[in-house]
C-alpha cells in the first residue's frame, strides 16, 4: 500500500478524502444549547414585545440567511418601526399577519 494520498484511475489521479466528511453540527457549539439560549431570551422579552401596540405574537424562527431569530407577528406594517431590530443580540424578524383572534372552544 502506498503512502500517497492520490489514487490512480484510468480517468486520472484523484486525491483521497480531499474534503473530509463532518457530520452536521460537528465543530460547532452545541446547537441545542444555542436554541435554548434564544428561547430563554424570547421568554424574558415576550411581555415587553407584546406590550407594543399592534404586536400580535412572538415566536422563534429564522432570518432570510438561516440564522435563528425571534419572530414578532404584527397587525400591520406601521408597527414595524416600533419593534427593535434585535433583542439581547439576537436578530428580530417581523411578519405581518393582521389581527389574530384566538377562539377557545
Protein backbone atom coordinates (compact mmCIF):
# COMPACT_ATOMS: atom_id res chain seq x y z
CA UNK A 1 0.00 0.00 0.00
CA UNK A 2 1.34 3.41 -0.94
CA UNK A 3 1.64 6.36 1.44
CA UNK A 4 0.41 8.63 -1.32
CA UNK A 5 -2.86 10.41 -0.79
CA UNK A 6 -3.56 10.11 -4.53
CA UNK A 7 -5.33 7.19 -6.19
CA UNK A 8 -4.67 6.21 -9.77
CA UNK A 9 -7.56 5.51 -12.08
CA UNK A 10 -7.99 5.16 -15.84
CA UNK A 11 -9.52 8.65 -15.78
CA UNK A 12 -6.62 10.35 -13.97
CA UNK A 13 -5.28 10.84 -10.46
CA UNK A 14 -7.71 11.67 -7.67
CA UNK A 15 -6.91 12.91 -4.19
CA UNK A 16 -8.23 10.67 -1.44
CA UNK A 17 -10.53 12.46 1.04
CA UNK A 18 -9.97 15.90 -0.43
CA UNK A 19 -12.80 17.16 1.74
CA UNK A 20 -13.33 15.15 4.91
CA UNK A 21 -16.88 14.36 5.95
CA UNK A 22 -18.04 16.22 9.05
CA UNK A 23 -21.50 15.42 10.42
CA UNK A 24 -23.85 18.38 10.66
CA UNK A 25 -23.02 20.43 13.74
CA UNK A 26 -19.54 18.94 14.14
CA UNK A 27 -17.01 21.54 15.17
CA UNK A 28 -19.77 23.98 16.12
CA UNK A 29 -21.04 24.86 19.59
CA UNK A 30 -23.93 22.75 20.79
CA UNK A 31 -26.85 23.71 18.54
CA UNK A 32 -29.40 22.70 21.19
CA UNK A 33 -27.71 24.96 23.74
CA UNK A 34 -27.86 27.88 21.27
CA UNK A 35 -31.56 27.24 20.71
CA UNK A 36 -32.22 27.10 24.47
CA UNK A 37 -30.44 30.46 24.96
CA UNK A 38 -32.50 32.03 22.16
CA UNK A 39 -35.74 30.65 23.63
CA UNK A 40 -34.76 31.99 27.08
CA UNK A 41 -34.18 35.45 25.53
CA UNK A 42 -37.60 35.23 23.86
CA UNK A 43 -39.29 34.34 27.16
CA UNK A 44 -37.52 37.16 29.05
CA UNK A 45 -38.62 39.73 26.45
CA UNK A 46 -42.02 38.41 25.35
CA UNK A 47 -44.07 40.64 27.67
CA UNK A 48 -42.23 43.79 26.57
CA UNK A 49 -42.65 42.90 22.90
CA UNK A 50 -46.33 42.01 23.34
CA UNK A 51 -46.86 45.37 25.10
CA UNK A 52 -46.08 47.17 21.81
CA UNK A 53 -49.44 48.19 20.36
CA UNK A 54 -50.02 46.15 17.19
CA UNK A 55 -47.84 43.16 18.12
CA UNK A 56 -49.96 40.01 17.78
CA UNK A 57 -47.46 37.34 18.83
CA UNK A 58 -43.86 36.32 19.43
CA UNK A 59 -42.11 33.08 18.48
CA UNK A 60 -38.83 31.66 17.21
CA UNK A 61 -37.80 31.36 13.59
CA UNK A 62 -35.00 32.22 11.19
CA UNK A 63 -33.73 35.16 9.22
CA UNK A 64 -33.60 35.04 5.43
CA UNK A 65 -29.95 33.97 5.81
CA UNK A 66 -30.90 31.00 8.03
CA UNK A 67 -29.75 32.47 11.34
CA UNK A 68 -32.00 31.77 14.34
CA UNK A 69 -34.14 34.77 15.27
CA UNK A 70 -37.02 35.98 17.37
CA UNK A 71 -40.09 36.46 15.17
CA UNK A 72 -42.63 39.16 16.02
CA UNK A 73 -46.05 38.97 14.36
CA UNK A 74 -47.56 42.37 13.53
CA UNK A 75 -51.09 43.59 12.89
CA UNK A 76 -49.87 45.90 10.10
CA UNK A 77 -46.69 47.40 8.64
CA UNK A 78 -46.94 50.63 10.68
CA UNK A 79 -45.99 48.65 13.81
CA UNK A 80 -42.61 47.57 12.40
CA UNK A 81 -40.89 50.87 13.27
CA UNK A 82 -41.66 50.31 16.97
CA UNK A 83 -40.11 46.82 17.07
CA UNK A 84 -36.40 46.65 17.97
CA UNK A 85 -34.10 45.18 15.28
CA UNK A 86 -32.53 42.88 17.86
CA UNK A 87 -33.14 41.59 21.38
CA UNK A 88 -30.23 40.53 23.59
CA UNK A 89 -28.04 40.35 20.49
CA UNK A 90 -30.43 38.09 18.58
CA UNK A 91 -31.96 39.37 15.32
CA UNK A 92 -35.68 40.16 15.30
CA UNK A 93 -37.68 39.29 12.20
CA UNK A 94 -41.18 40.65 11.68
CA UNK A 95 -44.14 39.09 9.91
CA UNK A 96 -47.34 40.96 9.11
CA UNK A 97 -50.24 38.67 9.97
CA UNK A 98 -53.11 41.03 10.56
CA UNK A 99 -55.09 40.78 13.76
CA UNK A 100 -55.00 37.34 15.36
CA UNK A 101 -58.17 36.31 17.18
CA UNK A 102 -57.95 33.27 19.42
CA UNK A 103 -61.19 31.41 19.86
CA UNK A 104 -61.50 28.83 22.59
CA UNK A 105 -63.94 26.00 22.10
